[in-house]
């Protein structure tokens, strides 16, 4: 039963105030270089700084969604 409730509550409103992906973050260039090196080893191809930025944004968005689902499940 909990799984069914969870599926219906996972839809997240997407507007200017609640859009989880619209937050601007300052990302250090050194962090992007380390990210690129880490994922280059796994992808077996060179990555640009923009590739690394997208990886960071995607991972951040993924964990924000998980946190939002957790808040919903706890009823907050």
PDB file of N, CA and C in Angstrom:
ATOM      1  N   UNK A   1       0.816  -1.188   0.000  1.00  0.00           N
ATOM      2  CA  UNK A   1       0.000   0.000   0.000  1.00  0.00           C
ATOM      3  C   UNK A   1       0.866   1.259   0.000  1.00  0.00           C
ATOM      4  N   UNK A   2       1.925   1.256   0.770  1.00  0.00           N
ATOM      5  CA  UNK A   2       2.785   2.435   0.810  1.00  0.00           C
ATOM      6  C   UNK A   2       3.400   2.725  -0.562  1.00  0.00           C
ATOM      7  N   UNK A   3       3.778   1.684  -1.285  1.00  0.00           N
ATOM      8  CA  UNK A   3       4.364   1.891  -2.611  1.00  0.00           C
ATOM      9  C   UNK A   3       3.370   2.578  -3.536  1.00  0.00           C
ATOM     10  N   UNK A   4       2.101   2.199  -3.448  1.00  0.00           N
ATOM     11  CA  UNK A   4       1.100   2.823  -4.305  1.00  0.00           C
ATOM     12  C   UNK A   4       0.948   4.299  -3.962  1.00  0.00           C
ATOM     13  N   UNK A   5       0.884   4.628  -2.673  1.00  0.00           N
ATOM     14  CA  UNK A   5       0.779   6.021  -2.258  1.00  0.00           C
ATOM     15  C   UNK A   5       1.988   6.819  -2.726  1.00  0.00           C
ATOM     16  N   UNK A   6       3.145   6.209  -2.628  1.00  0.00           N
ATOM     17  CA  UNK A   6       4.386   6.877  -3.005  1.00  0.00           C
ATOM     18  C   UNK A   6       4.383   7.249  -4.485  1.00  0.00           C
ATOM     19  N   UNK A   7       3.914   6.354  -5.335  1.00  0.00           N
ATOM     20  CA  UNK A   7       3.896   6.607  -6.770  1.00  0.00           C
ATOM     21  C   UNK A   7       3.020   7.811  -7.089  1.00  0.00           C
ATOM     22  N   UNK A   8       1.888   7.937  -6.440  1.00  0.00           N
ATOM     23  CA  UNK A   8       0.997   9.050  -6.744  1.00  0.00           C
ATOM     24  C   UNK A   8       1.525  10.368  -6.211  1.00  0.00           C
ATOM     25  N   UNK A   9       2.359  10.348  -5.174  1.00  0.00           N
ATOM     26  CA  UNK A   9       2.853  11.577  -4.582  1.00  0.00           C
ATOM     27  C   UNK A   9       4.162  12.054  -5.191  1.00  0.00           C
ATOM     28  N   UNK A  10       4.741  11.334  -6.097  1.00  0.00           N
ATOM     29  CA  UNK A  10       6.060  11.692  -6.621  1.00  0.00           C
ATOM     30  C   UNK A  10       6.041  12.802  -7.657  1.00  0.00           C
ATOM     31  N   UNK A  11       4.898  13.206  -8.097  1.00  0.00           N
ATOM     32  CA  UNK A  11       4.893  14.294  -9.070  1.00  0.00           C
ATOM     33  C   UNK A  11       5.263  15.587  -8.357  1.00  0.00           C
ATOM     34  N   UNK A  12       6.236  16.281  -8.888  1.00  0.00           N
ATOM     35  CA  UNK A  12       6.742  17.505  -8.283  1.00  0.00           C
ATOM     36  C   UNK A  12       6.311  18.672  -9.153  1.00  0.00           C
ATOM     37  N   UNK A  13       5.743  19.694  -8.525  1.00  0.00           N
ATOM     38  CA  UNK A  13       5.341  20.892  -9.265  1.00  0.00           C
ATOM     39  C   UNK A  13       6.567  21.552  -9.876  1.00  0.00           C
ATOM     40  N   UNK A  14       6.447  21.986 -11.097  1.00  0.00           N
ATOM     41  CA  UNK A  14       7.549  22.661 -11.776  1.00  0.00           C
ATOM     42  C   UNK A  14       7.113  24.073 -12.143  1.00  0.00           C
ATOM     43  N   UNK A  15       7.468  25.026 -11.314  1.00  0.00           N
ATOM     44  CA  UNK A  15       7.239  26.428 -11.654  1.00  0.00           C
ATOM     45  C   UNK A  15       8.434  27.232 -11.182  1.00  0.00           C
ATOM     46  N   UNK A  16       8.404  28.520 -11.380  1.00  0.00           N
ATOM     47  CA  UNK A  16       9.572  29.357 -11.079  1.00  0.00           C
ATOM     48  C   UNK A  16       9.969  29.291  -9.611  1.00  0.00           C
ATOM     49  N   UNK A  17       9.003  29.112  -8.703  1.00  0.00           N
ATOM     50  CA  UNK A  17       9.330  29.101  -7.279  1.00  0.00           C
ATOM     51  C   UNK A  17       9.807  27.740  -6.792  1.00  0.00           C
ATOM     52  N   UNK A  18       9.311  26.649  -7.367  1.00  0.00           N
ATOM     53  CA  UNK A  18       9.650  25.330  -6.848  1.00  0.00           C
ATOM     54  C   UNK A  18      10.505  24.501  -7.789  1.00  0.00           C
ATOM     55  N   UNK A  19      10.910  25.051  -8.910  1.00  0.00           N
ATOM     56  CA  UNK A  19      11.690  24.271  -9.863  1.00  0.00           C
ATOM     57  C   UNK A  19      13.018  23.866  -9.244  1.00  0.00           C
ATOM     58  N   UNK A  20      13.202  22.559  -9.072  1.00  0.00           N
ATOM     59  CA  UNK A  20      14.400  22.042  -8.430  1.00  0.00           C
ATOM     60  C   UNK A  20      15.646  22.225  -9.283  1.00  0.00           C
ATOM     61  N   UNK A  21      15.475  22.475 -10.569  1.00  0.00           N
ATOM     62  CA  UNK A  21      16.615  22.555 -11.462  1.00  0.00           C
ATOM     63  C   UNK A  21      17.019  23.990 -11.784  1.00  0.00           C
ATOM     64  N   UNK A  22      16.300  24.977 -11.264  1.00  0.00           N
ATOM     65  CA  UNK A  22      16.578  26.356 -11.646  1.00  0.00           C
ATOM     66  C   UNK A  22      17.557  27.048 -10.709  1.00  0.00           C
ATOM     67  N   UNK A  23      17.965  26.391  -9.650  1.00  0.00           N
ATOM     68  CA  UNK A  23      18.865  27.026  -8.691  1.00  0.00           C
ATOM     69  C   UNK A  23      20.242  27.233  -9.300  1.00  0.00           C
ATOM     70  N   UNK A  24      20.747  28.454  -9.166  1.00  0.00           N
ATOM     71  CA  UNK A  24      22.085  28.755  -9.656  1.00  0.00           C
ATOM     72  C   UNK A  24      23.093  28.436  -8.566  1.00  0.00           C
ATOM     73  N   UNK A  25      24.145  27.733  -8.902  1.00  0.00           N
ATOM     74  CA  UNK A  25      25.170  27.375  -7.936  1.00  0.00           C
ATOM     75  C   UNK A  25      26.525  27.776  -8.478  1.00  0.00           C
ATOM     76  N   UNK A  26      27.370  28.198  -7.585  1.00  0.00           N
ATOM     77  CA  UNK A  26      28.746  28.498  -7.967  1.00  0.00           C
ATOM     78  C   UNK A  26      29.540  27.204  -7.877  1.00  0.00           C
ATOM     79  N   UNK A  27      30.072  26.779  -9.004  1.00  0.00           N
ATOM     80  CA  UNK A  27      30.842  25.537  -9.042  1.00  0.00           C
ATOM     81  C   UNK A  27      32.278  25.881  -9.377  1.00  0.00           C
ATOM     82  N   UNK A  28      33.165  25.470  -8.530  1.00  0.00           N
ATOM     83  CA  UNK A  28      34.589  25.722  -8.664  1.00  0.00           C
ATOM     84  C   UNK A  28      35.146  24.994  -9.886  1.00  0.00           C
ATOM     85  N   UNK A  29      36.013  25.643 -10.644  1.00  0.00           N
ATOM     86  CA  UNK A  29      36.616  25.022 -11.829  1.00  0.00           C
ATOM     87  C   UNK A  29      37.420  23.772 -11.467  1.00  0.00           C
ATOM     88  N   UNK A  30      38.101  23.808 -10.330  1.00  0.00           N
ATOM     89  CA  UNK A  30      38.871  22.638  -9.895  1.00  0.00           C
ATOM     90  C   UNK A  30      37.939  21.456  -9.640  1.00  0.00           C
ATOM     91  N   UNK A  31      36.773  21.734  -9.078  1.00  0.00           N
ATOM     92  CA  UNK A  31      35.785  20.677  -8.844  1.00  0.00           C
ATOM     93  C   UNK A  31      35.322  20.076 -10.172  1.00  0.00           C
ATOM     94  N   UNK A  32      35.099  20.931 -11.169  1.00  0.00           N
ATOM     95  CA  UNK A  32      34.688  20.433 -12.481  1.00  0.00           C
ATOM     96  C   UNK A  32      35.790  19.596 -13.117  1.00  0.00           C
ATOM     97  N   UNK A  33      37.033  19.999 -12.956  1.00  0.00           N
ATOM     98  CA  UNK A  33      38.151  19.223 -13.504  1.00  0.00           C
ATOM     99  C   UNK A  33      38.238  17.851 -12.835  1.00  0.00           C
ATOM    100  N   UNK A  34      38.065  17.807 -11.499  1.00  0.00           N
ATOM    101  CA  UNK A  34      38.086  16.515 -10.795  1.00  0.00           C
ATOM    102  C   UNK A  34      36.915  15.643 -11.233  1.00  0.00           C
ATOM    103  N   UNK A  35      35.751  16.274 -11.420  1.00  0.00           N
ATOM    104  CA  UNK A  35      34.573  15.533 -11.882  1.00  0.00           C
ATOM    105  C   UNK A  35      34.823  14.946 -13.264  1.00  0.00           C
ATOM    106  N   UNK A  36      35.393  15.752 -14.160  1.00  0.00           N
ATOM    107  CA  UNK A  36      35.687  15.274 -15.516  1.00  0.00           C
ATOM    108  C   UNK A  36      36.659  14.096 -15.465  1.00  0.00           C
ATOM    109  N   UNK A  37      37.721  14.201 -14.656  1.00  0.00           N
ATOM    110  CA  UNK A  37      38.691  13.099 -14.558  1.00  0.00           C
ATOM    111  C   UNK A  37      38.038  11.827 -14.013  1.00  0.00           C
ATOM    112  N   UNK A  38      37.193  11.992 -12.997  1.00  0.00           N
ATOM    113  CA  UNK A  38      36.519  10.833 -12.405  1.00  0.00           C
ATOM    114  C   UNK A  38      35.650  10.112 -13.430  1.00  0.00           C
ATOM    115  N   UNK A  39      34.854  10.875 -14.182  1.00  0.00           N
ATOM    116  CA  UNK A  39      33.938  10.251 -15.131  1.00  0.00           C
ATOM    117  C   UNK A  39      34.630   9.845 -16.431  1.00  0.00           C
ATOM    118  N   UNK A  40      35.729  10.500 -16.792  1.00  0.00           N
ATOM    119  CA  UNK A  40      36.495  10.072 -17.975  1.00  0.00           C
ATOM    120  C   UNK A  40      36.989   8.643 -17.791  1.00  0.00           C
ATOM    121  N   UNK A  41      37.431   8.314 -16.587  1.00  0.00           N
ATOM    122  CA  UNK A  41      37.933   6.968 -16.323  1.00  0.00           C
ATOM    123  C   UNK A  41      36.835   5.932 -16.513  1.00  0.00           C
ATOM    124  N   UNK A  42      35.612   6.302 -16.222  1.00  0.00           N
ATOM    125  CA  UNK A  42      34.497   5.362 -16.334  1.00  0.00           C
ATOM    126  C   UNK A  42      33.872   5.344 -17.735  1.00  0.00           C
ATOM    127  N   UNK A  43      33.941   6.474 -18.423  1.00  0.00           N
ATOM    128  CA  UNK A  43      33.321   6.568 -19.743  1.00  0.00           C
ATOM    129  C   UNK A  43      34.304   6.270 -20.872  1.00  0.00           C
ATOM    130  N   UNK A  44      35.570   6.239 -20.549  1.00  0.00           N
ATOM    131  CA  UNK A  44      36.633   5.939 -21.513  1.00  0.00           C
ATOM    132  C   UNK A  44      36.629   6.892 -22.703  1.00  0.00           C
ATOM    133  N   UNK A  45      36.345   8.165 -22.417  1.00  0.00           N
ATOM    134  CA  UNK A  45      36.440   9.216 -23.432  1.00  0.00           C
ATOM    135  C   UNK A  45      36.701  10.534 -22.713  1.00  0.00           C
ATOM    136  N   UNK A  46      37.338  11.475 -23.382  1.00  0.00           N
ATOM    137  CA  UNK A  46      37.593  12.774 -22.742  1.00  0.00           C
ATOM    138  C   UNK A  46      36.298  13.559 -22.549  1.00  0.00           C
ATOM    139  N   UNK A  47      36.220  14.288 -21.436  1.00  0.00           N
ATOM    140  CA  UNK A  47      35.047  15.099 -21.141  1.00  0.00           C
ATOM    141  C   UNK A  47      35.439  16.566 -21.051  1.00  0.00           C
ATOM    142  N   UNK A  48      34.572  17.420 -21.535  1.00  0.00           N
ATOM    143  CA  UNK A  48      34.806  18.862 -21.449  1.00  0.00           C
ATOM    144  C   UNK A  48      34.334  19.384 -20.091  1.00  0.00           C
ATOM    145  N   UNK A  49      34.649  20.624 -19.819  1.00  0.00           N
ATOM    146  CA  UNK A  49      34.168  21.268 -18.599  1.00  0.00           C
ATOM    147  C   UNK A  49      32.644  21.332 -18.609  1.00  0.00           C
ATOM    148  N   UNK A  50      32.061  21.563 -19.765  1.00  0.00           N
ATOM    149  CA  UNK A  50      30.599  21.593 -19.873  1.00  0.00           C
ATOM    150  C   UNK A  50      30.002  20.221 -19.585  1.00  0.00           C
ATOM    151  N   UNK A  51      30.645  19.150 -20.052  1.00  0.00           N
ATOM    152  CA  UNK A  51      30.192  17.790 -19.713  1.00  0.00           C
ATOM    153  C   UNK A  51      30.192  17.597 -18.196  1.00  0.00           C
ATOM    154  N   UNK A  52      31.272  18.027 -17.551  1.00  0.00           N
ATOM    155  CA  UNK A  52      31.385  17.890 -16.097  1.00  0.00           C
ATOM    156  C   UNK A  52      30.307  18.716 -15.401  1.00  0.00           C
ATOM    157  N   UNK A  53      30.031  19.910 -15.883  1.00  0.00           N
ATOM    158  CA  UNK A  53      28.993  20.763 -15.297  1.00  0.00           C
ATOM    159  C   UNK A  53      27.627  20.084 -15.400  1.00  0.00           C
ATOM    160  N   UNK A  54      27.344  19.470 -16.541  1.00  0.00           N
ATOM    161  CA  UNK A  54      26.076  18.768 -16.710  1.00  0.00           C
ATOM    162  C   UNK A  54      25.978  17.562 -15.779  1.00  0.00           C
ATOM    163  N   UNK A  55      27.081  16.855 -15.596  1.00  0.00           N
ATOM    164  CA  UNK A  55      27.097  15.715 -14.673  1.00  0.00           C
ATOM    165  C   UNK A  55      26.767  16.184 -13.261  1.00  0.00           C
ATOM    166  N   UNK A  56      27.408  17.262 -12.829  1.00  0.00           N
ATOM    167  CA  UNK A  56      27.168  17.807 -11.492  1.00  0.00           C
ATOM    168  C   UNK A  56      25.714  18.249 -11.350  1.00  0.00           C
ATOM    169  N   UNK A  57      25.192  18.950 -12.350  1.00  0.00           N
ATOM    170  CA  UNK A  57      23.801  19.396 -12.293  1.00  0.00           C
ATOM    171  C   UNK A  57      22.836  18.221 -12.249  1.00  0.00           C
ATOM    172  N   UNK A  58      23.088  17.193 -13.060  1.00  0.00           N
ATOM    173  CA  UNK A  58      22.209  16.024 -13.080  1.00  0.00           C
ATOM    174  C   UNK A  58      22.237  15.271 -11.755  1.00  0.00           C
ATOM    175  N   UNK A  59      23.415  15.090 -11.191  1.00  0.00           N
ATOM    176  CA  UNK A  59      23.508  14.401  -9.903  1.00  0.00           C
ATOM    177  C   UNK A  59      22.844  15.219  -8.797  1.00  0.00           C
ATOM    178  N   UNK A  60      23.058  16.532  -8.824  1.00  0.00           N
ATOM    179  CA  UNK A  60      22.412  17.393  -7.837  1.00  0.00           C
ATOM    180  C   UNK A  60      20.897  17.324  -7.951  1.00  0.00           C
ATOM    181  N   UNK A  61      20.383  17.372  -9.173  1.00  0.00           N
ATOM    182  CA  UNK A  61      18.944  17.267  -9.396  1.00  0.00           C
ATOM    183  C   UNK A  61      18.394  15.934  -8.926  1.00  0.00           C
ATOM    184  N   UNK A  62      19.127  14.864  -9.174  1.00  0.00           N
ATOM    185  CA  UNK A  62      18.713  13.536  -8.745  1.00  0.00           C
ATOM    186  C   UNK A  62      18.555  13.482  -7.227  1.00  0.00           C
ATOM    187  N   UNK A  63      19.551  13.986  -6.502  1.00  0.00           N
ATOM    188  CA  UNK A  63      19.482  13.928  -5.043  1.00  0.00           C
ATOM    189  C   UNK A  63      18.451  14.903  -4.476  1.00  0.00           C
ATOM    190  N   UNK A  64      18.206  16.037  -5.155  1.00  0.00           N
ATOM    191  CA  UNK A  64      17.130  16.936  -4.703  1.00  0.00           C
ATOM    192  C   UNK A  64      15.776  16.269  -4.853  1.00  0.00           C
ATOM    193  N   UNK A  65      15.577  15.535  -5.935  1.00  0.00           N
ATOM    194  CA  UNK A  65      14.314  14.824  -6.131  1.00  0.00           C
ATOM    195  C   UNK A  65      14.151  13.736  -5.070  1.00  0.00           C
ATOM    196  N   UNK A  66      15.213  12.995  -4.792  1.00  0.00           N
ATOM    197  CA  UNK A  66      15.132  11.980  -3.732  1.00  0.00           C
ATOM    198  C   UNK A  66      14.779  12.623  -2.396  1.00  0.00           C
ATOM    199  N   UNK A  67      15.373  13.765  -2.086  1.00  0.00           N
ATOM    200  CA  UNK A  67      15.071  14.461  -0.828  1.00  0.00           C
ATOM    201  C   UNK A  67      13.615  14.932  -0.811  1.00  0.00           C
ATOM    202  N   UNK A  68      13.121  15.419  -1.937  1.00  0.00           N
ATOM    203  CA  UNK A  68      11.725  15.859  -2.024  1.00  0.00           C
ATOM    204  C   UNK A  68      10.782  14.681  -1.812  1.00  0.00           C
ATOM    205  N   UNK A  69      11.061  13.549  -2.435  1.00  0.00           N
ATOM    206  CA  UNK A  69      10.228  12.359  -2.244  1.00  0.00           C
ATOM    207  C   UNK A  69      10.247  11.910  -0.786  1.00  0.00           C
ATOM    208  N   UNK A  70      11.407  12.011  -0.151  1.00  0.00           N
ATOM    209  CA  UNK A  70      11.510  11.627   1.251  1.00  0.00           C
ATOM    210  C   UNK A  70      10.645  12.545   2.112  1.00  0.00           C
ATOM    211  N   UNK A  71      10.681  13.856   1.852  1.00  0.00           N
ATOM    212  CA  UNK A  71       9.829  14.794   2.595  1.00  0.00           C
ATOM    213  C   UNK A  71       8.366  14.481   2.391  1.00  0.00           C
ATOM    214  N   UNK A  72       7.988  14.158   1.148  1.00  0.00           N
ATOM    215  CA  UNK A  72       6.603  13.811   0.850  1.00  0.00           C
ATOM    216  C   UNK A  72       6.201  12.548   1.607  1.00  0.00           C
ATOM    217  N   UNK A  73       7.049  11.540   1.579  1.00  0.00           N
ATOM    218  CA  UNK A  73       6.752  10.287   2.275  1.00  0.00           C
ATOM    219  C   UNK A  73       6.597  10.481   3.783  1.00  0.00           C
ATOM    220  N   UNK A  74       7.367  11.421   4.349  1.00  0.00           N
ATOM    221  CA  UNK A  74       7.283  11.685   5.789  1.00  0.00           C
ATOM    222  C   UNK A  74       6.150  12.640   6.117  1.00  0.00           C
ATOM    223  N   UNK A  75       5.488  13.175   5.093  1.00  0.00           N
ATOM    224  CA  UNK A  75       4.353  14.064   5.309  1.00  0.00           C
ATOM    225  C   UNK A  75       4.726  15.477   5.687  1.00  0.00           C
ATOM    226  N   UNK A  76       5.889  15.929   5.322  1.00  0.00           N
ATOM    227  CA  UNK A  76       6.321  17.306   5.666  1.00  0.00           C
ATOM    228  C   UNK A  76       5.944  18.285   4.596  1.00  0.00           C
TER     229      UNK A  76
END
